[in-house]
Amino acid sequence: MLVDEMPIASFQGPPILSPRTADAAGSAQAAARAENQVFNIRVALSAGCHADSGALVRRMYAWRGYAFEVGGGGFDRVTLFAETGGELVGTMSLCLDRGQLLPADENFSDRLDMLRAEGRRLCEPSRLAIDTGMSKRVFAALIHISYLYAGDLHGFTDYVIEVNPRHVAFYKGMLGFTDFGGERPCSRVGAPAVLLRLPLDQMGAQIRKWSGSHEQHPGERSFYPYFFPLWDVPSISARLAALCQGGERA
């Protein structure tokens, strides 16, 4: 049961179950759980939560035919995860450029150094994995909290991310990333990668415009309407700040 970490945020999800969850529960139990599905977003602090997050990433990477690099690689990072009923259903790590290199430096150090020379402070979302059949809000919640952690609490200025070429359109359309490096081989996952960039001030503008409005704007294609409503942000940020003051472990 993944309930030992302080919840950063919680929300009610729609009645969606992953095939794995549905197989594990009887039909009546699964239906009851789906109708009352509450998701919690937490920061992974214990070794057990880090191991479970890594297992989800490994499973989802294997499903897509990607390799998975075992171990942390020595990166300065914080790992978030989403759980419902004690079951981990989503995770992402945020690598921070504060004295240590980012994963993308392996393939795109020349491009990242250009931003550093301009005084930009970089961070890299990585190891993002969402279980099959989960609500869009799981993905949106992880990204929104990572934005609050990186931009509001620690003053980072840009997301950079390596993605498979077939996922470029998704990150451009759903979050507003733009091209920042051509296609290059990525040895960590055994597949080609494209470097994308998103300045956090641009992300903040989209959050202020769209967050919490998915019911009012069902035609908006991006993920921003599924972000937390603006009135929830102060309490979420306060919990993140309290965790930071307590000394989170990456």
Protein backbone atom coordinates (compact mmCIF):
# COMPACT_ATOMS: atom_id res chain seq x y z
CA MET A 1 0.00 0.00 0.00
CA LEU A 2 1.54 3.28 -1.15
CA VAL A 3 0.13 5.49 1.58
CA ASP A 4 3.20 6.36 3.65
CA GLU A 5 4.03 9.66 1.89
CA MET A 6 2.24 12.94 2.53
CA PRO A 7 -0.35 13.62 -0.20
CA ILE A 8 0.43 16.80 -2.15
CA ALA A 9 -2.97 16.82 -3.85
CA SER A 10 -6.04 14.60 -4.24
CA PHE A 11 -8.86 14.55 -6.76
CA GLN A 12 -11.86 12.48 -7.77
CA GLY A 13 -11.35 10.56 -10.99
CA PRO A 14 -13.87 9.34 -13.57
CA PRO A 15 -15.01 5.68 -13.55
CA ILE A 16 -12.06 4.24 -15.49
CA LEU A 17 -10.16 1.09 -14.56
CA SER A 18 -7.01 -0.31 -16.06
CA PRO A 19 -7.29 -3.85 -17.48
CA ARG A 20 -4.85 -5.02 -14.78
CA THR A 21 -7.06 -3.59 -12.02
CA ALA A 22 -10.22 -5.00 -13.55
CA ASP A 23 -8.69 -8.47 -13.75
CA ALA A 24 -7.63 -8.31 -10.11
CA ALA A 25 -11.06 -7.39 -8.72
CA GLY A 26 -14.52 -8.87 -9.04
CA SER A 27 -16.93 -7.02 -11.29
CA ALA A 28 -19.06 -5.61 -8.43
CA GLN A 29 -16.00 -4.52 -6.45
CA ALA A 30 -14.40 -3.00 -9.54
CA ALA A 31 -17.56 -1.05 -10.37
CA ALA A 32 -17.84 0.30 -6.81
CA ARG A 33 -14.22 1.35 -6.81
CA ALA A 34 -14.53 3.03 -10.20
CA GLU A 35 -17.46 5.13 -9.00
CA ASN A 36 -15.45 6.34 -6.00
CA GLN A 37 -11.97 6.55 -7.46
CA VAL A 38 -9.85 9.06 -5.54
CA PHE A 39 -6.32 9.75 -6.76
CA ASN A 40 -3.52 11.05 -4.54
CA ILE A 41 -0.35 12.67 -5.83
CA ARG A 42 2.64 12.13 -3.56
CA VAL A 43 6.40 12.65 -3.56
CA ALA A 44 8.33 9.38 -3.39
CA LEU A 45 10.44 9.40 -0.24
CA SER A 46 10.87 5.75 0.68
CA ALA A 47 12.92 3.15 -1.14
CA GLY A 48 9.76 1.10 -1.61
CA CYS A 49 7.95 3.90 -3.43
CA HIS A 50 10.97 4.50 -5.66
CA ALA A 51 11.09 0.78 -6.46
CA ASP A 52 7.37 0.64 -7.29
CA SER A 53 7.67 3.74 -9.49
CA GLY A 54 10.59 2.16 -11.32
CA ALA A 55 8.60 -1.05 -11.82
CA LEU A 56 5.74 0.88 -13.46
CA VAL A 57 8.16 2.71 -15.76
CA ARG A 58 9.88 -0.56 -16.66
CA ARG A 59 6.56 -2.24 -17.47
CA MET A 60 5.24 0.64 -19.60
CA TYR A 61 8.58 1.05 -21.41
CA ALA A 62 8.66 -2.67 -22.21
CA TRP A 63 5.10 -2.47 -23.53
CA ARG A 64 6.29 0.18 -26.00
CA GLY A 65 9.45 -1.71 -26.86
CA TYR A 66 11.88 0.67 -25.09
CA ALA A 67 14.84 -0.25 -22.93
CA PHE A 68 14.96 0.90 -19.31
CA GLU A 69 18.11 2.11 -17.61
CA VAL A 70 18.35 0.59 -14.14
CA GLY A 71 19.50 2.92 -11.35
CA GLY A 72 19.26 6.66 -10.87
CA GLY A 73 22.19 7.67 -13.05
CA GLY A 74 23.39 10.11 -10.36
CA PHE A 75 20.89 12.79 -11.36
CA ASP A 76 19.48 15.35 -8.93
CA ARG A 77 15.81 14.56 -9.16
CA VAL A 78 12.46 14.40 -7.38
CA THR A 79 9.98 11.63 -8.16
CA LEU A 80 6.20 12.10 -8.05
CA PHE A 81 3.65 9.33 -8.19
CA ALA A 82 -0.12 8.95 -8.40
CA GLU A 83 -1.93 6.23 -6.47
CA THR A 84 -5.51 5.18 -6.01
CA GLY A 85 -6.52 2.73 -3.32
CA GLY A 86 -2.84 2.18 -2.50
CA GLU A 87 -2.04 1.11 -6.08
CA LEU A 88 0.51 3.13 -8.05
CA VAL A 89 -0.95 4.17 -11.43
CA GLY A 90 1.33 6.97 -12.62
CA THR A 91 4.79 8.38 -12.01
CA MET A 92 7.30 10.90 -13.30
CA SER A 93 10.72 12.14 -12.23
CA LEU A 94 11.92 15.72 -12.53
CA CYS A 95 15.68 16.03 -13.00
CA LEU A 96 17.13 19.35 -11.86
CA ASP A 97 20.08 21.20 -13.36
CA ARG A 98 21.76 22.38 -10.17
CA GLY A 99 25.31 21.13 -10.15
CA GLN A 100 24.68 17.85 -11.95
CA LEU A 101 24.01 17.10 -15.60
CA LEU A 102 20.57 16.23 -16.96
CA PRO A 103 19.78 12.96 -18.77
CA ALA A 104 19.45 14.92 -22.03
CA ASP A 105 23.08 16.06 -21.72
CA GLU A 106 24.11 12.61 -22.95
CA ASN A 107 22.73 13.36 -26.41
CA PHE A 108 22.08 17.11 -26.51
CA SER A 109 24.66 18.81 -24.30
CA ASP A 110 25.50 21.33 -27.04
CA ARG A 111 21.87 22.50 -27.17
CA LEU A 112 21.46 22.63 -23.39
CA ASP A 113 24.70 24.57 -22.98
CA MET A 114 23.28 27.25 -25.28
CA LEU A 115 20.43 27.80 -22.81
CA ARG A 116 22.74 27.71 -19.81
CA ALA A 117 24.91 30.39 -21.44
CA GLU A 118 21.81 32.59 -21.57
CA GLY A 119 21.29 32.15 -17.83
CA ARG A 120 18.36 29.73 -18.17
CA ARG A 121 17.80 27.23 -15.36
CA LEU A 122 16.83 23.86 -16.80
CA CYS A 123 14.90 20.86 -15.55
CA GLU A 124 13.92 17.69 -17.37
CA PRO A 125 10.77 15.60 -16.89
CA SER A 126 11.75 11.96 -17.30
CA ARG A 127 10.56 8.41 -16.61
CA LEU A 128 6.96 9.43 -17.18
CA ALA A 129 4.63 6.43 -17.10
CA ILE A 130 0.84 6.27 -16.76
CA ASP A 131 -0.98 2.95 -16.34
CA THR A 132 -3.30 1.89 -19.14
CA GLY A 133 -6.82 3.34 -18.98
CA MET A 134 -6.11 6.12 -16.49
CA SER A 135 -7.82 9.52 -16.53
CA LYS A 136 -6.18 12.45 -18.31
CA ARG A 137 -6.17 14.14 -14.91
CA VAL A 138 -3.49 11.74 -13.65
CA PHE A 139 -1.04 12.96 -16.31
CA ALA A 140 -2.12 16.59 -15.86
CA ALA A 141 -1.77 16.45 -12.07
CA LEU A 142 1.78 15.09 -12.21
CA ILE A 143 2.85 17.74 -14.72
CA HIS A 144 1.13 20.59 -12.83
CA ILE A 145 2.77 19.69 -9.51
CA SER A 146 6.15 19.33 -11.21
CA TYR A 147 5.65 22.84 -12.63
CA LEU A 148 4.87 24.24 -9.17
CA TYR A 149 7.93 22.51 -7.72
CA ALA A 150 10.29 23.63 -10.48
CA GLY A 151 9.05 27.12 -11.32
CA ASP A 152 7.24 28.53 -8.30
CA LEU A 153 9.34 27.00 -5.52
CA HIS A 154 12.81 26.71 -7.07
CA GLY A 155 12.98 29.30 -9.84
CA PHE A 156 13.74 27.05 -12.80
CA THR A 157 12.96 28.63 -16.16
CA ASP A 158 12.65 25.87 -18.76
CA TYR A 159 11.53 22.30 -19.27
CA VAL A 160 13.61 20.30 -21.71
CA ILE A 161 12.55 16.79 -22.61
CA GLU A 162 13.74 13.97 -24.86
CA VAL A 163 10.90 12.15 -26.58
CA ASN A 164 10.53 9.50 -29.24
CA PRO A 165 9.80 11.12 -32.64
CA ARG A 166 6.33 9.57 -32.74
CA HIS A 167 5.42 11.37 -29.49
CA VAL A 168 6.57 14.84 -30.60
CA ALA A 169 3.10 15.87 -31.85
CA PHE A 170 1.57 14.88 -28.51
CA TYR A 171 3.88 17.05 -26.41
CA LYS A 172 3.57 19.96 -28.82
CA GLY A 173 -0.23 19.82 -28.99
CA MET A 174 -0.98 18.85 -25.40
CA LEU A 175 1.52 21.05 -23.53
CA GLY A 176 3.02 23.50 -26.03
CA PHE A 177 6.58 22.18 -26.31
CA THR A 178 8.60 23.26 -29.36
CA ASP A 179 11.54 21.70 -31.22
CA PHE A 180 14.96 22.46 -29.79
CA GLY A 181 17.13 19.71 -31.27
CA GLY A 182 16.98 17.36 -34.22
CA GLU A 183 16.56 13.61 -34.02
CA ARG A 184 19.47 11.77 -32.43
CA PRO A 185 19.93 8.20 -31.13
CA CYS A 186 19.29 7.74 -27.41
CA SER A 187 21.27 4.85 -25.93
CA ARG A 188 19.36 4.91 -22.62
CA VAL A 189 16.13 3.64 -24.18
CA GLY A 190 17.48 2.13 -27.39
CA ALA A 191 15.43 4.42 -29.65
CA PRO A 192 15.75 7.78 -31.42
CA ALA A 193 15.01 10.95 -29.45
CA VAL A 194 14.05 14.54 -30.24
CA LEU A 195 14.81 17.39 -27.84
CA LEU A 196 11.86 19.66 -27.01
CA ARG A 197 11.73 22.82 -24.91
CA LEU A 198 9.00 24.67 -22.99
CA PRO A 199 9.77 27.92 -21.12
CA LEU A 200 7.95 27.78 -17.78
CA ASP A 201 6.62 31.33 -18.13
CA GLN A 202 4.76 30.19 -21.25
CA MET A 203 3.47 27.16 -19.38
CA GLY A 204 2.31 29.40 -16.54
CA ALA A 205 0.33 31.56 -18.97
CA GLN A 206 -1.51 28.50 -20.28
CA ILE A 207 -2.20 27.29 -16.74
CA ARG A 208 -3.71 30.65 -15.79
CA LYS A 209 -5.86 30.62 -18.91
CA TRP A 210 -7.17 27.06 -18.91
CA SER A 211 -6.60 25.18 -15.63
CA GLY A 212 -9.65 23.63 -13.99
CA SER A 213 -11.90 24.31 -16.98
CA HIS A 214 -12.24 20.90 -18.67
CA GLU A 215 -16.00 20.84 -18.07
CA GLN A 216 -16.47 24.39 -19.39
CA HIS A 217 -14.17 23.96 -22.40
CA PRO A 218 -14.53 20.37 -23.64
CA GLY A 219 -13.28 21.38 -27.08
CA GLU A 220 -9.85 22.54 -25.90
CA ARG A 221 -7.36 19.89 -27.07
CA SER A 222 -4.51 20.57 -24.66
CA PHE A 223 -4.12 19.04 -21.21
CA TYR A 224 -4.23 22.43 -19.46
CA PRO A 225 -7.99 22.34 -18.67
CA TYR A 226 -7.27 19.17 -16.64
CA PHE A 227 -4.74 20.95 -14.42
CA PHE A 228 -5.80 21.85 -10.88
CA PRO A 229 -8.08 24.90 -10.55
CA LEU A 230 -6.19 28.06 -9.61
CA TRP A 231 -7.91 28.24 -6.22
CA ASP A 232 -6.34 24.88 -5.28
CA VAL A 233 -2.80 26.00 -6.11
CA PRO A 234 -1.97 27.90 -2.87
CA SER A 235 -2.69 24.87 -0.67
CA ILE A 236 -0.83 22.52 -3.03
CA SER A 237 2.16 24.87 -3.11
CA ALA A 238 2.11 25.14 0.70
CA ARG A 239 2.31 21.36 1.05
CA LEU A 240 5.15 21.22 -1.47
CA ALA A 241 7.00 23.99 0.38
CA ALA A 242 6.59 22.18 3.69
CA LEU A 243 8.01 19.03 2.12
CA CYS A 244 10.96 20.97 0.70
CA GLN A 245 11.72 22.49 4.11
CA GLY A 246 11.65 19.00 5.58
CA GLY A 247 14.34 17.92 3.12
CA GLU A 248 12.86 15.62 0.47
CA ARG A 249 15.08 12.83 -0.87
CA ALA A 250 15.32 12.43 -4.65
